C-alpha atoms as a PDB file:
ATOM      1  CA  UNK A   1      82.199-133.292 -75.900  1.00  0.00           C
ATOM      2  CA  UNK A   2      82.945-131.309 -73.521  1.00  0.00           C
ATOM      3  CA  UNK A   3      81.801-133.635 -70.843  1.00  0.00           C
ATOM      4  CA  UNK A   4      83.703-135.885 -72.110  1.00  0.00           C
ATOM      5  CA  UNK A   5      86.900-135.071 -71.578  1.00  0.00           C
ATOM      6  CA  UNK A   6      85.916-133.345 -68.325  1.00  0.00           C
ATOM      7  CA  UNK A   7      85.977-129.976 -69.764  1.00  0.00           C
ATOM      8  CA  UNK A   8      84.017-126.604 -68.064  1.00  0.00           C
ATOM      9  CA  UNK A   9      84.080-124.420 -70.533  1.00  0.00           C
ATOM     10  CA  UNK A  10      82.950-125.551 -73.938  1.00  0.00           C
ATOM     11  CA  UNK A  11      83.900-122.960 -75.767  1.00  0.00           C
ATOM     12  CA  UNK A  12      87.832-123.404 -76.333  1.00  0.00           C
ATOM     13  CA  UNK A  13      89.426-120.021 -76.225  1.00  0.00           C
ATOM     14  CA  UNK A  14      90.245-119.697 -80.498  1.00  0.00           C
ATOM     15  CA  UNK A  15      86.847-119.890 -80.978  1.00  0.00           C
ATOM     16  CA  UNK A  16      85.753-117.064 -79.002  1.00  0.00           C
ATOM     17  CA  UNK A  17      88.982-114.878 -80.203  1.00  0.00           C
ATOM     18  CA  UNK A  18      87.491-115.607 -83.825  1.00  0.00           C
ATOM     19  CA  UNK A  19      83.730-114.836 -83.465  1.00  0.00           C
ATOM     20  CA  UNK A  20      85.848-111.144 -81.836  1.00  0.00           C
ATOM     21  CA  UNK A  21      88.179-110.517 -84.740  1.00  0.00           C
ATOM     22  CA  UNK A  22      84.971-111.894 -87.243  1.00  0.00           C
ATOM     23  CA  UNK A  23      82.788-109.255 -85.057  1.00  0.00           C
ATOM     24  CA  UNK A  24      85.535-106.680 -85.269  1.00  0.00           C
ATOM     25  CA  UNK A  25      86.123-107.387 -89.413  1.00  0.00           C
ATOM     26  CA  UNK A  26      81.710-106.765 -89.410  1.00  0.00           C
ATOM     27  CA  UNK A  27      82.257-103.439 -88.224  1.00  0.00           C
ATOM     28  CA  UNK A  28      85.758-102.337 -89.569  1.00  0.00           C
ATOM     29  CA  UNK A  29      84.869 -99.368 -91.978  1.00  0.00           C
ATOM     30  CA  UNK A  30      89.276 -99.202 -92.426  1.00  0.00           C
ATOM     31  CA  UNK A  31      89.590-100.193 -95.873  1.00  0.00           C
ATOM     32  CA  UNK A  32      87.879-100.642 -99.047  1.00  0.00           C
ATOM     33  CA  UNK A  33      89.545-104.643 -98.577  1.00  0.00           C
ATOM     34  CA  UNK A  34      87.711-105.625 -95.091  1.00  0.00           C
ATOM     35  CA  UNK A  35      84.816-107.770 -96.339  1.00  0.00           C
ATOM     36  CA  UNK A  36      81.553-106.695 -94.684  1.00  0.00           C
ATOM     37  CA  UNK A  37      79.149-109.446 -92.433  1.00  0.00           C
ATOM     38  CA  UNK A  38      77.203-110.686 -95.821  1.00  0.00           C
ATOM     39  CA  UNK A  39      80.250-110.646 -97.920  1.00  0.00           C
ATOM     40  CA  UNK A  40      82.996-112.657 -95.207  1.00  0.00           C
ATOM     41  CA  UNK A  41      79.703-115.267 -95.042  1.00  0.00           C
ATOM     42  CA  UNK A  42      78.982-116.113 -98.163  1.00  0.00           C
ATOM     43  CA  UNK A  43      82.741-116.033 -99.163  1.00  0.00           C
ATOM     44  CA  UNK A  44      83.038-118.457 -95.988  1.00  0.00           C
ATOM     45  CA  UNK A  45      80.179-120.486 -96.676  1.00  0.00           C
ATOM     46  CA  UNK A  46      81.763-121.255-100.192  1.00  0.00           C
ATOM     47  CA  UNK A  47      84.725-121.883 -98.709  1.00  0.00           C
ATOM     48  CA  UNK A  48      83.671-124.505 -96.468  1.00  0.00           C
ATOM     49  CA  UNK A  49      81.727-126.033 -98.710  1.00  0.00           C
ATOM     50  CA  UNK A  50      84.301-126.661-100.945  1.00  0.00           C
ATOM     51  CA  UNK A  51      87.795-126.046-100.649  1.00  0.00           C
ATOM     52  CA  UNK A  52      88.401-126.981 -96.510  1.00  0.00           C
ATOM     53  CA  UNK A  53      84.892-129.376 -96.580  1.00  0.00           C
ATOM     54  CA  UNK A  54      87.297-131.905 -94.684  1.00  0.00           C
ATOM     55  CA  UNK A  55      88.682-129.851 -92.396  1.00  0.00           C
ATOM     56  CA  UNK A  56      86.455-129.379 -88.762  1.00  0.00           C
ATOM     57  CA  UNK A  57      84.835-126.562 -86.942  1.00  0.00           C
ATOM     58  CA  UNK A  58      85.553-123.884 -86.075  1.00  0.00           C
ATOM     59  CA  UNK A  59      88.874-124.809 -87.714  1.00  0.00           C
ATOM     60  CA  UNK A  60      87.506-124.407 -91.184  1.00  0.00           C
ATOM     61  CA  UNK A  61      86.898-121.358 -90.093  1.00  0.00           C
ATOM     62  CA  UNK A  62      89.630-120.084 -89.066  1.00  0.00           C
ATOM     63  CA  UNK A  63      91.080-121.026 -92.542  1.00  0.00           C
ATOM     64  CA  UNK A  64      88.382-119.726 -94.542  1.00  0.00           C
ATOM     65  CA  UNK A  65      89.184-116.316 -92.463  1.00  0.00           C
ATOM     66  CA  UNK A  66      93.056-116.174 -93.380  1.00  0.00           C
ATOM     67  CA  UNK A  67      92.014-117.301 -97.078  1.00  0.00           C
ATOM     68  CA  UNK A  68      90.055-114.337 -97.670  1.00  0.00           C
ATOM     69  CA  UNK A  69      91.910-111.919 -95.723  1.00  0.00           C
ATOM     70  CA  UNK A  70      95.428-112.913 -97.459  1.00  0.00           C
ATOM     71  CA  UNK A  71      93.391-112.806-101.108  1.00  0.00           C
ATOM     72  CA  UNK A  72      92.297-109.775-100.487  1.00  0.00           C
ATOM     73  CA  UNK A  73      95.586-108.433 -98.618  1.00  0.00           C
ATOM     74  CA  UNK A  74      94.585-107.077 -95.350  1.00  0.00           C
ATOM     75  CA  UNK A  75      97.541-109.812 -94.246  1.00  0.00           C
ATOM     76  CA  UNK A  76     100.081-111.899 -95.579  1.00  0.00           C
ATOM     77  CA  UNK A  77     101.427-114.539 -95.671  1.00  0.00           C
ATOM     78  CA  UNK A  78     104.753-114.241 -94.567  1.00  0.00           C
ATOM     79  CA  UNK A  79     103.214-111.297 -92.075  1.00  0.00           C
ATOM     80  CA  UNK A  80     100.834-114.496 -90.709  1.00  0.00           C
ATOM     81  CA  UNK A  81     102.994-116.885 -90.651  1.00  0.00           C
ATOM     82  CA  UNK A  82     105.264-114.785 -88.799  1.00  0.00           C
ATOM     83  CA  UNK A  83     102.599-114.217 -85.974  1.00  0.00           C
ATOM     84  CA  UNK A  84     101.853-117.559 -85.925  1.00  0.00           C
ATOM     85  CA  UNK A  85     105.375-119.162 -85.296  1.00  0.00           C
ATOM     86  CA  UNK A  86     105.211-116.438 -82.058  1.00  0.00           C
ATOM     87  CA  UNK A  87     102.459-117.972 -81.225  1.00  0.00           C
ATOM     88  CA  UNK A  88     103.104-121.621 -81.239  1.00  0.00           C
ATOM     89  CA  UNK A  89     106.547-120.935 -78.951  1.00  0.00           C
ATOM     90  CA  UNK A  90     104.331-119.431 -77.057  1.00  0.00           C
ATOM     91  CA  UNK A  91     102.126-121.879 -76.451  1.00  0.00           C
ATOM     92  CA  UNK A  92     105.726-124.307 -75.982  1.00  0.00           C
ATOM     93  CA  UNK A  93     107.522-122.520 -74.181  1.00  0.00           C
END
């Protein structure tokens, strides 16, 4: 797909950032609500196979991670919406 559209970097920046967030979470020991690597991946696999099976990759991974963090209370829906609005405004500027 990268060659078809003339993209030099086949890994989109959002995927690189998502991988970095997942790596940071995997190493985090800052709270009991933060899932470990195996727990996060198992939960992600379940969500990808059920609720988010119709979303494309890597968006489905991102939504699954957000779902897990919201359910665990690591980030609230309002805070996530505010951060997304800030990012959207920056991208559209």
